[in-house]
Amino acid sequence: MSTTELAWFKSSYSGSAGDNCVEVAWVKSSYSSGSGDNCVEVANTLDAVRVRDSKDKSGPQLAVAPGSWASFVSFAARG
């Protein structure tokens, strides 16, 4: 994952003032194209690893337990 493509979002549980909230950084894959329109983005939160389609940032997200995500990444790295 490349850390040069960070985008932040605030928790839906934060107040209207936005003072007491958690912000999460979305990271795009280093394998994505230069335009960044056709890739998967991943964000680590306290309770889950979140995955979304970069073309639909406000669309659905997949929330995966951190241990399950680590197993998936390990499996994918083996090819």
PDB file of N, CA and C in Angstrom:
ATOM      1  N   MET A   1       0.821  -1.176   0.000  1.00  0.00           N
ATOM      2  CA  MET A   1       0.000   0.000   0.000  1.00  0.00           C
ATOM      3  C   MET A   1       0.876   1.254   0.000  1.00  0.00           C
ATOM      4  N   SER A   2       0.469   2.224  -0.737  1.00  0.00           N
ATOM      5  CA  SER A   2       1.183   3.494  -0.801  1.00  0.00           C
ATOM      6  C   SER A   2       0.630   4.449   0.240  1.00  0.00           C
ATOM      7  N   THR A   3       1.481   5.124   0.959  1.00  0.00           N
ATOM      8  CA  THR A   3       1.019   6.084   1.947  1.00  0.00           C
ATOM      9  C   THR A   3       0.918   7.478   1.361  1.00  0.00           C
ATOM     10  N   THR A   4       1.146   7.632   0.064  1.00  0.00           N
ATOM     11  CA  THR A   4       1.055   8.949  -0.547  1.00  0.00           C
ATOM     12  C   THR A   4      -0.374   9.317  -0.917  1.00  0.00           C
ATOM     13  N   GLU A   5      -1.295   8.373  -0.887  1.00  0.00           N
ATOM     14  CA  GLU A   5      -2.683   8.607  -1.279  1.00  0.00           C
ATOM     15  C   GLU A   5      -3.591   8.501  -0.061  1.00  0.00           C
ATOM     16  N   LEU A   6      -3.475   9.385   0.901  1.00  0.00           N
ATOM     17  CA  LEU A   6      -4.287   9.319   2.101  1.00  0.00           C
ATOM     18  C   LEU A   6      -5.514  10.206   1.984  1.00  0.00           C
ATOM     19  N   ALA A   7      -6.631   9.707   2.406  1.00  0.00           N
ATOM     20  CA  ALA A   7      -7.857  10.481   2.491  1.00  0.00           C
ATOM     21  C   ALA A   7      -8.463  10.209   3.861  1.00  0.00           C
ATOM     22  N   TRP A   8      -8.948  11.219   4.530  1.00  0.00           N
ATOM     23  CA  TRP A   8      -9.447  11.081   5.894  1.00  0.00           C
ATOM     24  C   TRP A   8     -10.962  11.173   5.922  1.00  0.00           C
ATOM     25  N   PHE A   9     -11.581  10.410   6.815  1.00  0.00           N
ATOM     26  CA  PHE A   9     -13.003  10.580   7.058  1.00  0.00           C
ATOM     27  C   PHE A   9     -13.230  10.521   8.557  1.00  0.00           C
ATOM     28  N   LYS A  10     -14.263  11.218   9.016  1.00  0.00           N
ATOM     29  CA  LYS A  10     -14.581  11.251  10.445  1.00  0.00           C
ATOM     30  C   LYS A  10     -15.623  10.196  10.769  1.00  0.00           C
ATOM     31  N   SER A  11     -15.541   9.697  11.968  1.00  0.00           N
ATOM     32  CA  SER A  11     -16.488   8.707  12.441  1.00  0.00           C
ATOM     33  C   SER A  11     -17.908   9.267  12.408  1.00  0.00           C
ATOM     34  N   SER A  12     -18.873   8.423  12.066  1.00  0.00           N
ATOM     35  CA  SER A  12     -20.275   8.842  12.076  1.00  0.00           C
ATOM     36  C   SER A  12     -20.767   9.077  13.500  1.00  0.00           C
ATOM     37  N   TYR A  13     -19.987   8.680  14.488  1.00  0.00           N
ATOM     38  CA  TYR A  13     -20.354   8.881  15.875  1.00  0.00           C
ATOM     39  C   TYR A  13     -19.863  10.220  16.427  1.00  0.00           C
ATOM     40  N   SER A  14     -19.116  10.979  15.653  1.00  0.00           N
ATOM     41  CA  SER A  14     -18.602  12.253  16.145  1.00  0.00           C
ATOM     42  C   SER A  14     -19.715  13.286  16.171  1.00  0.00           C
ATOM     43  N   GLY A  15     -19.588  14.253  17.064  1.00  0.00           N
ATOM     44  CA  GLY A  15     -20.585  15.303  17.189  1.00  0.00           C
ATOM     45  C   GLY A  15     -20.525  16.283  16.037  1.00  0.00           C
ATOM     46  N   SER A  16     -21.481  17.199  16.006  1.00  0.00           N
ATOM     47  CA  SER A  16     -21.537  18.165  14.917  1.00  0.00           C
ATOM     48  C   SER A  16     -20.336  19.101  14.931  1.00  0.00           C
ATOM     49  N   ALA A  17     -19.750  19.342  16.111  1.00  0.00           N
ATOM     50  CA  ALA A  17     -18.567  20.197  16.194  1.00  0.00           C
ATOM     51  C   ALA A  17     -17.329  19.469  15.683  1.00  0.00           C
ATOM     52  N   GLY A  18     -17.352  18.150  15.742  1.00  0.00           N
ATOM     53  CA  GLY A  18     -16.243  17.359  15.214  1.00  0.00           C
ATOM     54  C   GLY A  18     -15.009  17.344  16.082  1.00  0.00           C
ATOM     55  N   ASP A  19     -15.147  17.763  17.336  1.00  0.00           N
ATOM     56  CA  ASP A  19     -13.981  17.844  18.213  1.00  0.00           C
ATOM     57  C   ASP A  19     -13.533  16.484  18.747  1.00  0.00           C
ATOM     58  N   ASN A  20     -14.474  15.642  19.102  1.00  0.00           N
ATOM     59  CA  ASN A  20     -14.149  14.357  19.701  1.00  0.00           C
ATOM     60  C   ASN A  20     -14.487  13.236  18.738  1.00  0.00           C
ATOM     61  N   CYS A  21     -13.627  13.006  17.787  1.00  0.00           N
ATOM     62  CA  CYS A  21     -13.921  11.985  16.796  1.00  0.00           C
ATOM     63  C   CYS A  21     -12.639  11.249  16.417  1.00  0.00           C
ATOM     64  N   VAL A  22     -12.825  10.161  15.733  1.00  0.00           N
ATOM     65  CA  VAL A  22     -11.714   9.376  15.231  1.00  0.00           C
ATOM     66  C   VAL A  22     -11.668   9.572  13.723  1.00  0.00           C
ATOM     67  N   GLU A  23     -10.499   9.850  13.187  1.00  0.00           N
ATOM     68  CA  GLU A  23     -10.345   9.967  11.751  1.00  0.00           C
ATOM     69  C   GLU A  23      -9.524   8.786  11.253  1.00  0.00           C
ATOM     70  N   VAL A  24      -9.881   8.297  10.098  1.00  0.00           N
ATOM     71  CA  VAL A  24      -9.249   7.103   9.544  1.00  0.00           C
ATOM     72  C   VAL A  24      -8.662   7.452   8.187  1.00  0.00           C
ATOM     73  N   ALA A  25      -7.469   6.946   7.928  1.00  0.00           N
ATOM     74  CA  ALA A  25      -6.824   7.182   6.636  1.00  0.00           C
ATOM     75  C   ALA A  25      -7.085   6.017   5.701  1.00  0.00           C
ATOM     76  N   TRP A  26      -7.587   6.330   4.510  1.00  0.00           N
ATOM     77  CA  TRP A  26      -7.745   5.329   3.463  1.00  0.00           C
ATOM     78  C   TRP A  26      -6.453   5.271   2.675  1.00  0.00           C
ATOM     79  N   VAL A  27      -5.965   4.078   2.411  1.00  0.00           N
ATOM     80  CA  VAL A  27      -4.718   3.880   1.685  1.00  0.00           C
ATOM     81  C   VAL A  27      -5.019   3.110   0.405  1.00  0.00           C
ATOM     82  N   LYS A  28      -4.513   3.625  -0.718  1.00  0.00           N
ATOM     83  CA  LYS A  28      -4.693   2.945  -1.998  1.00  0.00           C
ATOM     84  C   LYS A  28      -3.540   1.983  -2.246  1.00  0.00           C
ATOM     85  N   SER A  29      -3.828   0.941  -2.958  1.00  0.00           N
ATOM     86  CA  SER A  29      -2.811  -0.034  -3.315  1.00  0.00           C
ATOM     87  C   SER A  29      -1.731   0.600  -4.181  1.00  0.00           C
ATOM     88  N   SER A  30      -0.499   0.210  -3.972  1.00  0.00           N
ATOM     89  CA  SER A  30       0.604   0.699  -4.804  1.00  0.00           C
ATOM     90  C   SER A  30       0.518   0.120  -6.211  1.00  0.00           C
ATOM     91  N   TYR A  31      -0.350  -0.869  -6.429  1.00  0.00           N
ATOM     92  CA  TYR A  31      -0.542  -1.461  -7.747  1.00  0.00           C
ATOM     93  C   TYR A  31      -1.603  -0.727  -8.561  1.00  0.00           C
ATOM     94  N   SER A  32      -2.288   0.246  -7.977  1.00  0.00           N
ATOM     95  CA  SER A  32      -3.346   0.929  -8.709  1.00  0.00           C
ATOM     96  C   SER A  32      -2.764   1.857  -9.766  1.00  0.00           C
ATOM     97  N   SER A  33      -3.580   2.177 -10.758  1.00  0.00           N
ATOM     98  CA  SER A  33      -3.115   3.023 -11.861  1.00  0.00           C
ATOM     99  C   SER A  33      -2.876   4.452 -11.388  1.00  0.00           C
ATOM    100  N   GLY A  34      -2.233   5.237 -12.212  1.00  0.00           N
ATOM    101  CA  GLY A  34      -1.912   6.617 -11.870  1.00  0.00           C
ATOM    102  C   GLY A  34      -3.123   7.464 -11.551  1.00  0.00           C
ATOM    103  N   SER A  35      -4.248   7.230 -12.248  1.00  0.00           N
ATOM    104  CA  SER A  35      -5.437   8.036 -11.992  1.00  0.00           C
ATOM    105  C   SER A  35      -6.116   7.642 -10.686  1.00  0.00           C
ATOM    106  N   GLY A  36      -5.902   6.416 -10.222  1.00  0.00           N
ATOM    107  CA  GLY A  36      -6.458   5.969  -8.950  1.00  0.00           C
ATOM    108  C   GLY A  36      -7.952   5.715  -8.972  1.00  0.00           C
ATOM    109  N   ASP A  37      -8.559   5.583 -10.165  1.00  0.00           N
ATOM    110  CA  ASP A  37      -9.998   5.394 -10.255  1.00  0.00           C
ATOM    111  C   ASP A  37     -10.427   3.938 -10.262  1.00  0.00           C
ATOM    112  N   ASN A  38      -9.503   3.031 -10.322  1.00  0.00           N
ATOM    113  CA  ASN A  38      -9.854   1.631 -10.471  1.00  0.00           C
ATOM    114  C   ASN A  38      -9.068   0.791  -9.484  1.00  0.00           C
ATOM    115  N   CYS A  39      -9.306   1.016  -8.193  1.00  0.00           N
ATOM    116  CA  CYS A  39      -8.536   0.276  -7.200  1.00  0.00           C
ATOM    117  C   CYS A  39      -9.338   0.076  -5.920  1.00  0.00           C
ATOM    118  N   VAL A  40      -8.743  -0.631  -5.022  1.00  0.00           N
ATOM    119  CA  VAL A  40      -9.314  -0.892  -3.710  1.00  0.00           C
ATOM    120  C   VAL A  40      -8.582  -0.023  -2.702  1.00  0.00           C
ATOM    121  N   GLU A  41      -9.320   0.531  -1.754  1.00  0.00           N
ATOM    122  CA  GLU A  41      -8.722   1.299  -0.671  1.00  0.00           C
ATOM    123  C   GLU A  41      -8.974   0.566   0.643  1.00  0.00           C
ATOM    124  N   VAL A  42      -8.015   0.660   1.549  1.00  0.00           N
ATOM    125  CA  VAL A  42      -8.088  -0.033   2.831  1.00  0.00           C
ATOM    126  C   VAL A  42      -7.834   0.970   3.954  1.00  0.00           C
ATOM    127  N   ALA A  43      -8.569   0.819   5.053  1.00  0.00           N
ATOM    128  CA  ALA A  43      -8.370   1.666   6.226  1.00  0.00           C
ATOM    129  C   ALA A  43      -8.396   0.793   7.473  1.00  0.00           C
ATOM    130  N   ASN A  44      -7.442   1.003   8.359  1.00  0.00           N
ATOM    131  CA  ASN A  44      -7.413   0.295   9.634  1.00  0.00           C
ATOM    132  C   ASN A  44      -8.160   1.119  10.669  1.00  0.00           C
ATOM    133  N   THR A  45      -9.086   0.488  11.376  1.00  0.00           N
ATOM    134  CA  THR A  45      -9.764   1.121  12.503  1.00  0.00           C
ATOM    135  C   THR A  45      -9.468   0.289  13.742  1.00  0.00           C
ATOM    136  N   LEU A  46      -9.986   0.721  14.874  1.00  0.00           N
ATOM    137  CA  LEU A  46      -9.707  -0.006  16.109  1.00  0.00           C
ATOM    138  C   LEU A  46     -10.263  -1.426  16.100  1.00  0.00           C
ATOM    139  N   ASP A  47     -11.431  -1.615  15.471  1.00  0.00           N
ATOM    140  CA  ASP A  47     -12.081  -2.917  15.537  1.00  0.00           C
ATOM    141  C   ASP A  47     -12.107  -3.692  14.232  1.00  0.00           C
ATOM    142  N   ALA A  48     -11.702  -3.069  13.118  1.00  0.00           N
ATOM    143  CA  ALA A  48     -11.812  -3.751  11.827  1.00  0.00           C
ATOM    144  C   ALA A  48     -10.879  -3.128  10.796  1.00  0.00           C
ATOM    145  N   VAL A  49     -10.658  -3.874   9.742  1.00  0.00           N
ATOM    146  CA  VAL A  49      -9.994  -3.355   8.550  1.00  0.00           C
ATOM    147  C   VAL A  49     -11.120  -3.126   7.549  1.00  0.00           C
ATOM    148  N   ARG A  50     -11.228  -1.916   7.045  1.00  0.00           N
ATOM    149  CA  ARG A  50     -12.313  -1.564   6.131  1.00  0.00           C
ATOM    150  C   ARG A  50     -11.792  -1.505   4.705  1.00  0.00           C
ATOM    151  N   VAL A  51     -12.588  -2.006   3.769  1.00  0.00           N
ATOM    152  CA  VAL A  51     -12.209  -2.071   2.360  1.00  0.00           C
ATOM    153  C   VAL A  51     -13.327  -1.421   1.549  1.00  0.00           C
ATOM    154  N   ARG A  52     -12.947  -0.598   0.558  1.00  0.00           N
ATOM    155  CA  ARG A  52     -13.948   0.030  -0.305  1.00  0.00           C
ATOM    156  C   ARG A  52     -13.416   0.174  -1.723  1.00  0.00           C
ATOM    157  N   ASP A  53     -14.320   0.446  -2.647  1.00  0.00           N
ATOM    158  CA  ASP A  53     -14.000   0.689  -4.049  1.00  0.00           C
ATOM    159  C   ASP A  53     -13.683   2.174  -4.194  1.00  0.00           C
ATOM    160  N   SER A  54     -12.555   2.508  -4.774  1.00  0.00           N
ATOM    161  CA  SER A  54     -12.163   3.909  -4.904  1.00  0.00           C
ATOM    162  C   SER A  54     -13.097   4.704  -5.805  1.00  0.00           C
ATOM    163  N   LYS A  55     -13.846   4.028  -6.684  1.00  0.00           N
ATOM    164  CA  LYS A  55     -14.785   4.724  -7.568  1.00  0.00           C
ATOM    165  C   LYS A  55     -16.046   5.154  -6.840  1.00  0.00           C
ATOM    166  N   ASP A  56     -16.326   4.563  -5.680  1.00  0.00           N
ATOM    167  CA  ASP A  56     -17.563   4.839  -4.948  1.00  0.00           C
ATOM    168  C   ASP A  56     -17.237   5.057  -3.479  1.00  0.00           C
ATOM    169  N   LYS A  57     -16.592   6.175  -3.182  1.00  0.00           N
ATOM    170  CA  LYS A  57     -16.099   6.445  -1.826  1.00  0.00           C
ATOM    171  C   LYS A  57     -17.202   6.516  -0.776  1.00  0.00           C
ATOM    172  N   SER A  58     -18.393   6.899  -1.170  1.00  0.00           N
ATOM    173  CA  SER A  58     -19.491   6.962  -0.202  1.00  0.00           C
ATOM    174  C   SER A  58     -20.343   5.702  -0.232  1.00  0.00           C
ATOM    175  N   GLY A  59     -19.932   4.721  -1.038  1.00  0.00           N
ATOM    176  CA  GLY A  59     -20.673   3.474  -1.166  1.00  0.00           C
ATOM    177  C   GLY A  59     -20.381   2.500  -0.049  1.00  0.00           C
ATOM    178  N   PRO A  60     -20.765   1.257  -0.242  1.00  0.00           N
ATOM    179  CA  PRO A  60     -20.598   0.240   0.801  1.00  0.00           C
ATOM    180  C   PRO A  60     -19.132  -0.050   1.101  1.00  0.00           C
ATOM    181  N   GLN A  61     -18.913  -0.482   2.319  1.00  0.00           N
ATOM    182  CA  GLN A  61     -17.584  -0.867   2.782  1.00  0.00           C
ATOM    183  C   GLN A  61     -17.667  -2.267   3.361  1.00  0.00           C
ATOM    184  N   LEU A  62     -16.604  -3.001   3.195  1.00  0.00           N
ATOM    185  CA  LEU A  62     -16.484  -4.318   3.793  1.00  0.00           C
ATOM    186  C   LEU A  62     -15.656  -4.158   5.061  1.00  0.00           C
ATOM    187  N   ALA A  63     -16.176  -4.614   6.195  1.00  0.00           N
ATOM    188  CA  ALA A  63     -15.439  -4.570   7.459  1.00  0.00           C
ATOM    189  C   ALA A  63     -14.992  -5.989   7.802  1.00  0.00           C
ATOM    190  N   VAL A  64     -13.683  -6.165   7.969  1.00  0.00           N
ATOM    191  CA  VAL A  64     -13.098  -7.480   8.206  1.00  0.00           C
ATOM    192  C   VAL A  64     -12.328  -7.452   9.521  1.00  0.00           C
ATOM    193  N   ALA A  65     -12.428  -8.514  10.289  1.00  0.00           N
ATOM    194  CA  ALA A  65     -11.657  -8.613  11.535  1.00  0.00           C
ATOM    195  C   ALA A  65     -10.166  -8.548  11.199  1.00  0.00           C
ATOM    196  N   PRO A  66      -9.374  -7.848  12.013  1.00  0.00           N
ATOM    197  CA  PRO A  66      -7.943  -7.703  11.715  1.00  0.00           C
ATOM    198  C   PRO A  66      -7.218  -9.032  11.488  1.00  0.00           C
ATOM    199  N   GLY A  67      -7.520 -10.044  12.265  1.00  0.00           N
ATOM    200  CA  GLY A  67      -6.870 -11.343  12.088  1.00  0.00           C
ATOM    201  C   GLY A  67      -7.223 -11.989  10.766  1.00  0.00           C
ATOM    202  N   SER A  68      -8.483 -11.855  10.365  1.00  0.00           N
ATOM    203  CA  SER A  68      -8.914 -12.397   9.071  1.00  0.00           C
ATOM    204  C   SER A  68      -8.244 -11.659   7.925  1.00  0.00           C
ATOM    205  N   TRP A  69      -8.110 -10.345   8.053  1.00  0.00           N
ATOM    206  CA  TRP A  69      -7.438  -9.558   7.011  1.00  0.00           C
ATOM    207  C   TRP A  69      -5.973  -9.987   6.893  1.00  0.00           C
ATOM    208  N   ALA A  70      -5.308 -10.175   8.026  1.00  0.00           N
ATOM    209  CA  ALA A  70      -3.904 -10.598   8.005  1.00  0.00           C
ATOM    210  C   ALA A  70      -3.764 -11.955   7.318  1.00  0.00           C
ATOM    211  N   SER A  71      -4.696 -12.868   7.573  1.00  0.00           N
ATOM    212  CA  SER A  71      -4.667 -14.181   6.911  1.00  0.00           C
ATOM    213  C   SER A  71      -4.869 -14.041   5.408  1.00  0.00           C
ATOM    214  N   PHE A  72      -5.799 -13.172   4.998  1.00  0.00           N
ATOM    215  CA  PHE A  72      -6.045 -12.942   3.583  1.00  0.00           C
ATOM    216  C   PHE A  72      -4.816 -12.377   2.890  1.00  0.00           C
ATOM    217  N   VAL A  73      -4.204 -11.365   3.490  1.00  0.00           N
ATOM    218  CA  VAL A  73      -3.008 -10.738   2.883  1.00  0.00           C
ATOM    219  C   VAL A  73      -1.877 -11.758   2.775  1.00  0.00           C
ATOM    220  N   SER A  74      -1.699 -12.573   3.807  1.00  0.00           N
ATOM    221  CA  SER A  74      -0.658 -13.600   3.777  1.00  0.00           C
ATOM    222  C   SER A  74      -0.921 -14.604   2.652  1.00  0.00           C
ATOM    223  N   PHE A  75      -2.177 -15.032   2.514  1.00  0.00           N
ATOM    224  CA  PHE A  75      -2.551 -15.960   1.453  1.00  0.00           C
ATOM    225  C   PHE A  75      -2.311 -15.339   0.071  1.00  0.00           C
ATOM    226  N   ALA A  76      -2.745 -14.088  -0.109  1.00  0.00           N
ATOM    227  CA  ALA A  76      -2.607 -13.405  -1.404  1.00  0.00           C
ATOM    228  C   ALA A  76      -1.133 -13.195  -1.761  1.00  0.00           C
ATOM    229  N   ALA A  77      -0.306 -12.941  -0.772  1.00  0.00           N
ATOM    230  CA  ALA A  77       1.127 -12.710  -1.026  1.00  0.00           C
ATOM    231  C   ALA A  77       1.823 -13.978  -1.525  1.00  0.00           C
ATOM    232  N   ARG A  78       1.275 -15.120  -1.149  1.00  0.00           N
ATOM    233  CA  ARG A  78       1.876 -16.388  -1.602  1.00  0.00           C
ATOM    234  C   ARG A  78       1.542 -16.683  -3.063  1.00  0.00           C
ATOM    235  N   GLY A  79       0.575 -15.933  -3.628  1.00  0.00           N
ATOM    236  CA  GLY A  79       0.203 -16.094  -5.040  1.00  0.00           C
ATOM    237  C   GLY A  79      -0.648 -17.265  -5.252  1.00  0.00           C
TER     238      GLY A  79
END
